[in-house]
Amino acid sequence: MDLAYRYHLFPMSFSCLTTIILLLGSVLASVKDGQDEIDRLALLEFKARIADPSGVLSLWNDSSHFCDWYGVTCGRKHRRVTILDRGSKKLSGVVSPHIGNLSFLRGVNLENNSFHAKIPPHFGRLLRLQKLSLNNNSFSGQIPSNLSYCSNLLVLDLGFNMLEGNLLMELGSLSKLQVLKLQFNSLMGNILPSIGNLSSLQKIGITWNNFSGTIPETLGQLRNLKILYLSINKFTGTIPISIFNISTLAWLGVGENQLEGGLPSDLGFTLPNIEIISMGHNHLTGPIPESLSNASNLEVIQIDQNNFTGKVPSFSKIRGLFWFILAKTT
């Protein structure tokens, strides 16, 4: 190549490359600004639909970046909202569907407020979501089926609301879910066998609803389960034997249903970590298992209002036992 030609070509190429880099940087900055704007507008829409008598959202305005707003946490590497925490702030109103635009959200805590109406299905767009806590509000309607799209969900707490309808089959796809709390609602229907697919579950609380039918045998597949509360519903049939083989179980509550049948004789051995047994107000029969006296971690035994027969085991070896209710058995 001619030397003069090279001399003229390289400075021109360098100039073009510099221009391209500057243009690319400008485009990337524009994209970033656009993403920031999406989050800012979503938060302002959230604010616009609720009443805030204590003024806890009064500083949510353009005087500061939204990442500096109270109750908002952003990522370190990007200025995108990752946590929205406005629990226990006396807020009321409805949750804006624009919350589904906060695509980097990992945690939402709106518990202990007065939100009402339906839970927006737009939560299902939050594919990074790990914790959704909406308990102790006045949400009504059904649990949105597209929450099943939140495949990274670890905690789903919808207790103490006015939710109704069935527990949806779609929720059985949340294989990472560790905590499911739906207590004190008006949910009804059967607990579907697909709940056994939630292999990471550690806590289930569905007390005080209108669930009916039999307790699914597939609950016994949940080998990490520590807390199982099914009390105050309308369950019938027997307690599945598979539940008594979950060795990690610490709290078992099935009281105030319409359950029948007996308890396995080796109950105290198959549940070595059991601390609380609550089975009162059912139609259970047969002897109280002698093996319960070997469950050294037991603190509470509540089995009143049943039809147990035979001798009551001695629990003198259980030093931590402080609550034992056995009234009205035969």
Protein backbone atom coordinates (compact mmCIF):
# COMPACT_ATOMS: atom_id res chain seq x y z
CA MET A 1 0.00 0.00 0.00
CA ASP A 2 1.30 3.48 -0.88
CA LEU A 3 2.73 5.31 2.13
CA ALA A 4 0.89 8.53 1.34
CA TYR A 5 -2.35 6.60 1.05
CA ARG A 6 -1.84 5.03 4.47
CA TYR A 7 -1.12 8.44 5.93
CA HIS A 8 -4.42 9.83 4.74
CA LEU A 9 -6.47 6.67 5.49
CA PHE A 10 -5.64 6.03 9.15
CA PRO A 11 -6.47 9.48 10.54
CA MET A 12 -9.82 9.28 8.72
CA SER A 13 -10.52 5.77 10.08
CA PHE A 14 -9.67 6.86 13.60
CA SER A 15 -11.98 9.84 13.26
CA CYS A 16 -14.85 7.61 12.06
CA LEU A 17 -14.28 5.15 14.90
CA THR A 18 -14.35 7.92 17.48
CA THR A 19 -17.61 9.22 16.04
CA ILE A 20 -19.19 5.75 16.18
CA ILE A 21 -18.14 5.26 19.81
CA LEU A 22 -19.59 8.63 20.78
CA LEU A 23 -22.84 7.88 18.98
CA LEU A 24 -23.06 4.45 20.61
CA GLY A 25 -22.48 5.96 24.03
CA SER A 26 -25.21 8.49 23.37
CA VAL A 27 -27.65 5.76 22.34
CA LEU A 28 -26.87 3.66 25.42
CA ALA A 29 -27.30 6.68 27.68
CA SER A 30 -30.63 7.40 26.01
CA VAL A 31 -31.79 3.82 26.57
CA LYS A 32 -30.74 3.98 30.23
CA ASP A 33 -32.59 7.27 30.70
CA GLY A 34 -35.66 5.71 29.11
CA GLN A 35 -35.54 2.77 31.51
CA ASP A 36 -35.15 5.13 34.46
CA GLU A 37 -38.17 7.05 33.23
CA ILE A 38 -40.27 3.87 33.13
CA ASP A 39 -39.52 3.18 36.79
CA ARG A 40 -40.09 6.80 37.84
CA LEU A 41 -43.46 6.99 36.10
CA ALA A 42 -44.52 3.62 37.53
CA LEU A 43 -43.79 4.82 41.07
CA LEU A 44 -45.66 8.08 40.51
CA GLU A 45 -48.65 6.12 39.17
CA PHE A 46 -48.50 3.95 42.29
CA LYS A 47 -48.56 7.09 44.44
CA ALA A 48 -51.39 8.70 42.45
CA ARG A 49 -53.89 5.90 43.19
CA ILE A 50 -53.58 5.77 46.95
CA ALA A 51 -54.46 7.93 49.93
CA ASP A 52 -51.53 8.80 52.17
CA PRO A 53 -52.83 10.48 55.36
CA SER A 54 -49.44 10.35 57.06
CA GLY A 55 -47.61 11.89 54.10
CA VAL A 56 -45.07 9.07 53.86
CA LEU A 57 -44.97 9.51 50.08
CA SER A 58 -44.81 13.31 50.14
CA LEU A 59 -41.15 13.33 49.06
CA TRP A 60 -41.85 11.15 46.04
CA ASN A 61 -41.35 14.00 43.57
CA ASP A 62 -38.84 15.41 41.11
CA SER A 63 -36.76 17.10 43.79
CA SER A 64 -34.68 13.91 44.04
CA HIS A 65 -33.95 10.77 42.06
CA PHE A 66 -36.52 8.03 42.67
CA CYS A 67 -33.77 5.73 44.00
CA ASP A 68 -33.53 8.14 46.95
CA TRP A 69 -37.26 8.02 47.74
CA TYR A 70 -38.26 6.48 51.08
CA GLY A 71 -39.26 2.85 50.72
CA VAL A 72 -37.50 2.43 47.37
CA THR A 73 -34.30 0.45 46.91
CA CYS A 74 -32.37 0.34 43.64
CA GLY A 75 -29.65 -1.96 42.38
CA ARG A 76 -25.99 -1.07 42.84
CA LYS A 77 -25.03 -1.62 39.21
CA HIS A 78 -28.10 0.01 37.74
CA ARG A 79 -30.60 2.64 38.81
CA ARG A 80 -33.61 0.33 38.63
CA VAL A 81 -36.06 -0.36 41.45
CA THR A 82 -35.43 -3.71 43.14
CA ILE A 83 -37.45 -3.37 46.37
CA LEU A 84 -40.67 -1.50 47.14
CA ASP A 85 -41.31 -1.46 50.89
CA ARG A 86 -44.30 0.55 52.08
CA GLY A 87 -45.61 -1.81 54.74
CA SER A 88 -47.50 -0.50 57.80
CA LYS A 89 -47.83 3.08 56.48
CA LYS A 90 -51.63 3.59 56.77
CA LEU A 91 -51.97 3.67 52.99
CA SER A 92 -55.29 2.96 51.27
CA GLY A 93 -56.56 2.72 47.72
CA VAL A 94 -55.75 0.39 44.84
CA VAL A 95 -52.43 -0.88 43.54
CA SER A 96 -51.69 0.60 40.12
CA PRO A 97 -51.25 -1.86 37.23
CA HIS A 98 -48.12 0.14 36.38
CA ILE A 99 -46.37 -1.80 39.13
CA GLY A 100 -45.89 -4.44 36.46
CA ASN A 101 -43.48 -2.03 34.69
CA LEU A 102 -40.97 -2.24 37.54
CA SER A 103 -39.30 -5.16 35.80
CA PHE A 104 -36.31 -5.38 38.17
CA LEU A 105 -38.42 -5.75 41.32
CA ARG A 106 -37.33 -8.56 43.64
CA GLY A 107 -39.37 -7.63 46.70
CA VAL A 108 -42.75 -5.98 47.33
CA ASN A 109 -43.98 -5.32 50.87
CA LEU A 110 -47.35 -3.58 51.21
CA GLU A 111 -48.53 -5.44 54.31
CA ASN A 112 -50.59 -3.90 57.12
CA ASN A 113 -52.28 -1.20 55.06
CA SER A 114 -55.80 -0.73 53.67
CA PHE A 115 -55.40 -1.53 49.99
CA HIS A 116 -58.56 -2.90 48.41
CA ALA A 117 -59.99 -4.17 45.11
CA LYS A 118 -58.34 -6.99 43.18
CA ILE A 119 -54.65 -7.87 43.23
CA PRO A 120 -53.39 -6.59 39.84
CA PRO A 121 -52.56 -9.44 37.46
CA HIS A 122 -49.66 -7.24 36.32
CA PHE A 123 -47.62 -8.68 39.21
CA GLY A 124 -47.23 -11.66 36.91
CA ARG A 125 -44.92 -9.60 34.70
CA LEU A 126 -42.32 -9.32 37.45
CA LEU A 127 -40.17 -12.28 36.51
CA ARG A 128 -37.45 -11.39 39.05
CA LEU A 129 -39.88 -11.18 41.97
CA GLN A 130 -38.84 -13.21 45.03
CA LYS A 131 -41.12 -11.87 47.76
CA LEU A 132 -44.70 -10.60 47.54
CA SER A 133 -46.21 -9.61 50.88
CA LEU A 134 -49.72 -8.14 50.73
CA ASN A 135 -51.07 -9.53 54.00
CA ASN A 136 -53.47 -7.66 56.27
CA ASN A 137 -55.18 -5.49 53.68
CA SER A 138 -58.62 -5.67 52.07
CA PHE A 139 -57.81 -7.24 48.72
CA SER A 140 -60.73 -9.13 47.19
CA GLY A 141 -61.42 -11.33 44.20
CA GLN A 142 -59.32 -14.28 43.14
CA ILE A 143 -55.59 -14.85 43.34
CA PRO A 144 -54.26 -13.90 39.86
CA SER A 145 -53.38 -17.04 37.94
CA ASN A 146 -50.44 -15.38 36.20
CA LEU A 147 -48.54 -15.15 39.49
CA SER A 148 -47.36 -18.53 38.26
CA TYR A 149 -45.10 -16.64 35.83
CA CYS A 150 -43.09 -15.35 38.80
CA SER A 151 -40.88 -18.42 38.71
CA ASN A 152 -38.34 -16.98 41.19
CA LEU A 153 -40.92 -16.38 43.91
CA LEU A 154 -39.78 -17.52 47.36
CA VAL A 155 -42.44 -15.94 49.60
CA LEU A 156 -46.13 -15.42 48.76
CA ASP A 157 -48.00 -13.89 51.69
CA LEU A 158 -51.62 -12.95 50.96
CA GLY A 159 -53.07 -13.68 54.39
CA PHE A 160 -55.69 -11.58 56.20
CA ASN A 161 -57.55 -10.26 53.15
CA MET A 162 -60.92 -10.99 51.54
CA LEU A 163 -59.75 -13.23 48.73
CA GLU A 164 -62.12 -15.84 47.36
CA GLY A 165 -62.26 -18.57 44.77
CA ASN A 166 -60.10 -21.66 44.43
CA LEU A 167 -56.41 -22.23 45.00
CA LEU A 168 -55.25 -22.33 41.41
CA MET A 169 -53.49 -25.24 39.78
CA GLU A 170 -51.08 -22.81 38.11
CA LEU A 171 -49.42 -22.02 41.45
CA GLY A 172 -48.11 -25.57 41.45
CA SER A 173 -45.40 -24.43 39.02
CA LEU A 174 -43.67 -22.24 41.64
CA SER A 175 -40.96 -24.77 42.38
CA LYS A 176 -38.79 -22.27 44.33
CA LEU A 177 -41.59 -21.17 46.68
CA GLN A 178 -40.63 -21.56 50.35
CA VAL A 179 -43.49 -19.78 52.14
CA LEU A 180 -47.19 -19.85 51.21
CA LYS A 181 -49.47 -17.90 53.57
CA LEU A 182 -53.15 -17.53 52.69
CA GLN A 183 -54.75 -17.61 56.14
CA PHE A 184 -57.88 -15.65 57.05
CA ASN A 185 -59.48 -15.32 53.62
CA SER A 186 -62.57 -16.83 51.99
CA LEU A 187 -60.82 -19.27 49.69
CA MET A 188 -62.64 -22.49 48.92
CA GLY A 189 -62.56 -25.75 46.99
CA ASN A 190 -60.04 -28.56 47.11
CA ILE A 191 -56.30 -28.35 47.67
CA LEU A 192 -55.08 -29.77 44.39
CA PRO A 193 -52.49 -32.58 44.29
CA SER A 194 -50.19 -30.23 42.33
CA ILE A 195 -49.24 -28.61 45.65
CA GLY A 196 -46.85 -31.53 45.98
CA ASN A 197 -44.81 -30.01 43.13
CA LEU A 198 -43.77 -27.09 45.36
CA SER A 199 -40.71 -29.01 46.46
CA SER A 200 -39.03 -26.07 48.24
CA LEU A 201 -41.96 -25.28 50.55
CA GLN A 202 -41.08 -24.86 54.22
CA LYS A 203 -44.22 -23.14 55.52
CA ILE A 204 -47.88 -23.51 54.53
CA GLY A 205 -50.53 -21.47 56.33
CA ILE A 206 -54.11 -21.66 55.02
CA THR A 207 -55.97 -21.49 58.34
CA TRP A 208 -59.45 -19.98 58.51
CA ASN A 209 -60.72 -20.41 54.96
CA ASN A 210 -63.42 -22.59 53.42
CA PHE A 211 -61.26 -25.28 51.84
CA SER A 212 -62.96 -28.65 51.60
CA GLY A 213 -62.45 -32.18 50.32
CA THR A 214 -59.61 -34.41 51.45
CA ILE A 215 -56.12 -33.32 52.40
CA PRO A 216 -53.93 -34.34 49.44
CA GLU A 217 -51.53 -37.22 49.93
CA THR A 218 -48.98 -35.31 47.83
CA LEU A 219 -48.22 -33.00 50.76
CA GLY A 220 -45.99 -35.82 51.92
CA GLN A 221 -43.67 -35.07 49.00
CA LEU A 222 -42.64 -31.78 50.62
CA ARG A 223 -39.52 -33.03 52.36
CA ASN A 224 -38.45 -29.54 53.55
CA LEU A 225 -41.77 -28.67 55.19
CA LYS A 226 -41.53 -27.33 58.75
CA ILE A 227 -44.90 -25.68 59.31
CA LEU A 228 -48.25 -27.00 58.07
CA TYR A 229 -51.38 -25.20 59.25
CA LEU A 230 -54.69 -26.33 57.73
CA SER A 231 -56.92 -25.56 60.73
CA ILE A 232 -60.44 -24.10 60.64
CA ASN A 233 -61.54 -25.26 57.21
CA LYS A 234 -63.91 -28.00 56.03
CA PHE A 235 -61.53 -30.83 55.27
CA THR A 236 -62.93 -34.35 55.46
CA GLY A 237 -61.51 -37.86 55.34
CA THR A 238 -58.36 -38.98 57.10
CA ILE A 239 -55.03 -37.27 57.67
CA PRO A 240 -52.73 -38.72 54.99
CA ILE A 241 -50.09 -41.07 56.39
CA SER A 242 -47.56 -39.34 54.14
CA ILE A 243 -47.76 -36.20 56.31
CA PHE A 244 -46.62 -38.16 59.36
CA ASN A 245 -43.48 -39.13 57.47
CA ILE A 246 -42.22 -35.56 56.91
CA SER A 247 -39.35 -35.74 59.37
CA THR A 248 -38.65 -31.98 59.19
CA LEU A 249 -42.15 -31.05 60.38
CA ALA A 250 -42.21 -28.92 63.54
CA TRP A 251 -45.75 -27.51 63.59
CA LEU A 252 -48.79 -29.50 62.47
CA GLY A 253 -52.22 -27.89 62.72
CA VAL A 254 -55.34 -29.57 61.35
CA GLY A 255 -57.80 -28.61 64.09
CA GLU A 256 -61.45 -27.62 63.58
CA ASN A 257 -62.14 -29.60 60.44
CA GLN A 258 -64.19 -32.75 59.90
CA LEU A 259 -61.35 -35.25 59.89
CA GLU A 260 -61.72 -38.84 61.01
CA GLY A 261 -59.63 -41.97 61.44
CA GLY A 262 -56.76 -42.69 63.78
CA LEU A 263 -53.15 -41.67 64.32
CA PRO A 264 -50.20 -43.93 63.42
CA SER A 265 -48.66 -45.75 66.36
CA ASP A 266 -45.12 -44.61 65.48
CA LEU A 267 -46.05 -40.92 65.28
CA GLY A 268 -43.49 -39.89 67.89
CA PHE A 269 -40.68 -41.50 65.91
CA THR A 270 -41.56 -40.41 62.37
CA LEU A 271 -41.87 -36.76 63.46
CA PRO A 272 -38.70 -36.35 65.56
CA ASN A 273 -38.73 -32.53 65.29
CA ILE A 274 -42.40 -31.98 66.09
CA GLU A 275 -43.08 -29.10 68.52
CA ILE A 276 -46.79 -28.37 68.07
CA ILE A 277 -49.62 -30.80 67.35
CA SER A 278 -53.04 -29.18 67.01
CA MET A 279 -55.84 -31.59 66.03
CA GLY A 280 -58.73 -30.51 68.26
CA HIS A 281 -62.38 -30.41 67.18
CA ASN A 282 -62.42 -33.25 64.65
CA HIS A 283 -63.76 -36.82 64.68
CA LEU A 284 -60.48 -38.65 65.26
CA THR A 285 -60.65 -42.08 66.89
CA GLY A 286 -58.47 -44.81 68.33
CA PRO A 287 -55.66 -44.63 70.90
CA ILE A 288 -53.33 -41.72 71.49
CA PRO A 289 -49.96 -43.06 70.27
CA GLU A 290 -47.66 -44.09 73.11
CA SER A 291 -44.72 -43.09 70.91
CA LEU A 292 -45.62 -39.42 71.37
CA SER A 293 -43.83 -39.59 74.72
CA ASN A 294 -40.58 -39.93 72.74
CA ALA A 295 -41.10 -36.67 70.82
CA SER A 296 -38.72 -34.73 73.04
CA ASN A 297 -39.28 -31.36 71.34
CA LEU A 298 -43.04 -31.27 71.94
CA GLU A 299 -44.35 -28.06 73.50
CA VAL A 300 -48.06 -28.12 72.62
CA ILE A 301 -50.51 -31.02 72.22
CA GLN A 302 -54.09 -29.99 71.52
CA ILE A 303 -56.30 -32.97 70.67
CA ASP A 304 -59.54 -32.11 72.50
CA GLN A 305 -63.06 -32.61 71.13
CA ASN A 306 -62.29 -35.91 69.40
CA ASN A 307 -63.19 -39.54 70.09
CA PHE A 308 -59.87 -40.98 71.23
CA THR A 309 -60.01 -44.08 73.41
CA GLY A 310 -57.70 -45.95 75.73
CA LYS A 311 -54.94 -44.89 78.08
CA VAL A 312 -53.32 -41.46 77.96
CA PRO A 313 -49.54 -41.83 77.51
CA SER A 314 -47.16 -40.43 80.09
CA PHE A 315 -45.46 -37.28 78.86
CA SER A 316 -43.21 -36.83 81.90
CA LYS A 317 -40.07 -37.24 79.79
CA ILE A 318 -40.96 -34.23 77.64
CA ARG A 319 -39.48 -31.37 79.65
CA GLY A 320 -40.62 -28.60 77.33
CA LEU A 321 -44.31 -29.58 77.19
CA PHE A 322 -46.42 -26.74 78.62
CA TRP A 323 -49.79 -27.10 76.86
CA PHE A 324 -51.73 -30.36 76.77
CA ILE A 325 -55.46 -30.27 76.02
CA LEU A 326 -57.36 -33.55 75.97
CA ALA A 327 -60.87 -32.60 77.09
CA LYS A 328 -63.91 -34.60 75.95
CA THR A 329 -62.44 -37.78 74.59
CA THR A 330 -63.73 -41.22 75.48
